[in-house]
């Protein structure tokens, strides 16, 4: 397991470490201090996109969301988030995500990260 390099600090640092990763997909463990809201799950997914960082110190910012759905209410404090690279357009990178609790889909959607 590889720790993520993020500028976030507690209590808003949710993405903890990379469970697995390949060219287009990563599974990241997210942990929360209280039951997460949909907004917290989306932020954890955005933080999870750091698994694709090239290590050059660029800062990423969440700029848009699409088709975000809460499928069921959060019941635990730890989730596995699958983030999948969709495509990039200049400084914008599109990712889809799924938040899972023991293989049960909790939330999903698409987000865009702008790199600076």
Protein backbone atom coordinates (compact mmCIF):
# COMPACT_ATOMS: atom_id res chain seq x y z
CA UNK A 1 0.00 0.00 0.00
CA UNK A 2 1.29 3.43 -0.99
CA UNK A 3 0.40 6.60 0.94
CA UNK A 4 -0.99 9.45 -1.12
CA UNK A 5 0.92 12.72 -1.31
CA UNK A 6 -1.77 15.34 -0.61
CA UNK A 7 -1.68 18.86 0.84
CA UNK A 8 -4.90 18.17 2.79
CA UNK A 9 -4.82 17.83 6.56
CA UNK A 10 -7.31 16.41 9.05
CA UNK A 11 -10.22 16.65 9.26
CA UNK A 12 -10.59 16.98 5.46
CA UNK A 13 -7.93 14.50 4.36
CA UNK A 14 -10.01 11.45 3.51
CA UNK A 15 -7.98 9.51 0.91
CA UNK A 16 -5.31 7.56 2.81
CA UNK A 17 -3.47 5.12 0.55
CA UNK A 18 -3.47 3.35 -2.81
CA UNK A 19 -4.63 -0.26 -2.65
CA UNK A 20 -3.97 -0.98 -6.34
CA UNK A 21 -3.29 0.95 -9.52
CA UNK A 22 -2.79 0.41 -13.24
CA UNK A 23 -2.61 2.75 -16.25
CA UNK A 24 -6.22 3.93 -16.09
CA UNK A 25 -7.66 2.87 -12.76
CA UNK A 26 -6.79 3.07 -9.06
CA UNK A 27 -8.43 1.80 -5.90
CA UNK A 28 -7.86 4.05 -2.89
CA UNK A 29 -8.85 3.56 0.74
CA UNK A 30 -10.73 6.50 2.26
CA UNK A 31 -11.31 6.87 5.97
CA UNK A 32 -13.63 9.28 7.78
CA UNK A 33 -13.95 10.46 11.38
CA UNK A 34 -17.76 10.47 11.12
CA UNK A 35 -20.27 8.97 8.69
CA UNK A 36 -19.59 10.75 5.39
CA UNK A 37 -22.06 12.84 3.42
CA UNK A 38 -22.19 12.68 -0.37
CA UNK A 39 -20.01 15.81 -0.50
CA UNK A 40 -17.37 14.12 1.66
CA UNK A 41 -17.42 11.02 -0.57
CA UNK A 42 -16.97 13.18 -3.68
CA UNK A 43 -14.07 15.04 -2.04
CA UNK A 44 -12.49 11.69 -1.14
CA UNK A 45 -12.84 10.59 -4.78
CA UNK A 46 -11.22 13.82 -5.98
CA UNK A 47 -8.36 13.32 -3.50
CA UNK A 48 -8.01 9.75 -4.77
CA UNK A 49 -7.15 11.07 -8.23
CA UNK A 50 -3.75 11.95 -6.72
CA UNK A 51 -2.93 8.29 -7.34
CA UNK A 52 -2.27 9.39 -10.94
CA UNK A 53 0.09 12.22 -9.97
CA UNK A 54 3.34 12.36 -11.88
CA UNK A 55 5.20 13.55 -8.77
CA UNK A 56 6.07 16.95 -10.27
CA UNK A 57 4.27 18.90 -7.56
CA UNK A 58 1.35 20.18 -9.64
CA UNK A 59 -1.70 21.17 -7.64
CA UNK A 60 -5.09 19.80 -8.69
CA UNK A 61 -8.44 21.48 -8.07
CA UNK A 62 -11.90 19.95 -8.30
CA UNK A 63 -13.75 22.09 -10.86
CA UNK A 64 -16.91 20.25 -11.90
CA UNK A 65 -19.15 17.27 -11.16
CA UNK A 66 -21.46 15.27 -13.41
CA UNK A 67 -23.97 12.48 -12.78
CA UNK A 68 -23.08 12.23 -9.08
CA UNK A 69 -25.40 9.81 -7.29
CA UNK A 70 -25.74 8.64 -3.71
CA UNK A 71 -26.96 5.08 -4.12
CA UNK A 72 -27.24 4.31 -0.41
CA UNK A 73 -26.55 6.12 2.84
CA UNK A 74 -23.10 5.80 4.39
CA UNK A 75 -22.99 3.21 7.18
CA UNK A 76 -19.27 2.77 7.90
CA UNK A 77 -16.14 4.93 8.22
CA UNK A 78 -13.92 3.19 5.61
CA UNK A 79 -14.55 2.91 1.87
CA UNK A 80 -12.67 1.77 -1.21
CA UNK A 81 -12.88 4.28 -4.03
CA UNK A 82 -12.25 3.23 -7.61
CA UNK A 83 -11.13 6.19 -9.72
CA UNK A 84 -10.88 5.69 -13.48
CA UNK A 85 -9.11 8.05 -15.87
CA UNK A 86 -11.48 8.99 -18.69
CA UNK A 87 -9.61 11.58 -20.76
CA UNK A 88 -7.73 14.87 -20.58
CA UNK A 89 -8.22 18.15 -22.42
CA UNK A 90 -5.37 20.59 -21.86
CA UNK A 91 -5.19 21.16 -18.07
CA UNK A 92 -8.51 19.39 -17.38
CA UNK A 93 -8.63 15.68 -16.52
CA UNK A 94 -11.90 13.75 -16.38
CA UNK A 95 -12.33 10.85 -13.96
CA UNK A 96 -15.21 8.57 -13.10
CA UNK A 97 -15.52 7.16 -9.60
CA UNK A 98 -17.32 4.52 -7.57
CA UNK A 99 -17.41 4.38 -3.78
CA UNK A 100 -17.78 0.87 -2.38
CA UNK A 101 -18.38 -0.68 1.02
CA UNK A 102 -17.55 -4.40 0.84
CA UNK A 103 -18.45 -4.56 -2.87
CA UNK A 104 -21.70 -2.63 -2.32
CA UNK A 105 -21.92 0.50 -4.46
CA UNK A 106 -22.55 3.56 -2.28
CA UNK A 107 -21.94 6.49 -4.67
CA UNK A 108 -20.73 7.16 -8.21
CA UNK A 109 -20.19 9.94 -10.70
CA UNK A 110 -17.74 11.92 -12.79
CA UNK A 111 -15.50 14.80 -11.75
CA UNK A 112 -12.97 17.06 -13.43
CA UNK A 113 -9.64 18.09 -11.96
CA UNK A 114 -7.81 21.18 -13.21
CA UNK A 115 -4.03 21.07 -12.82
CA UNK A 116 -2.00 24.18 -12.09
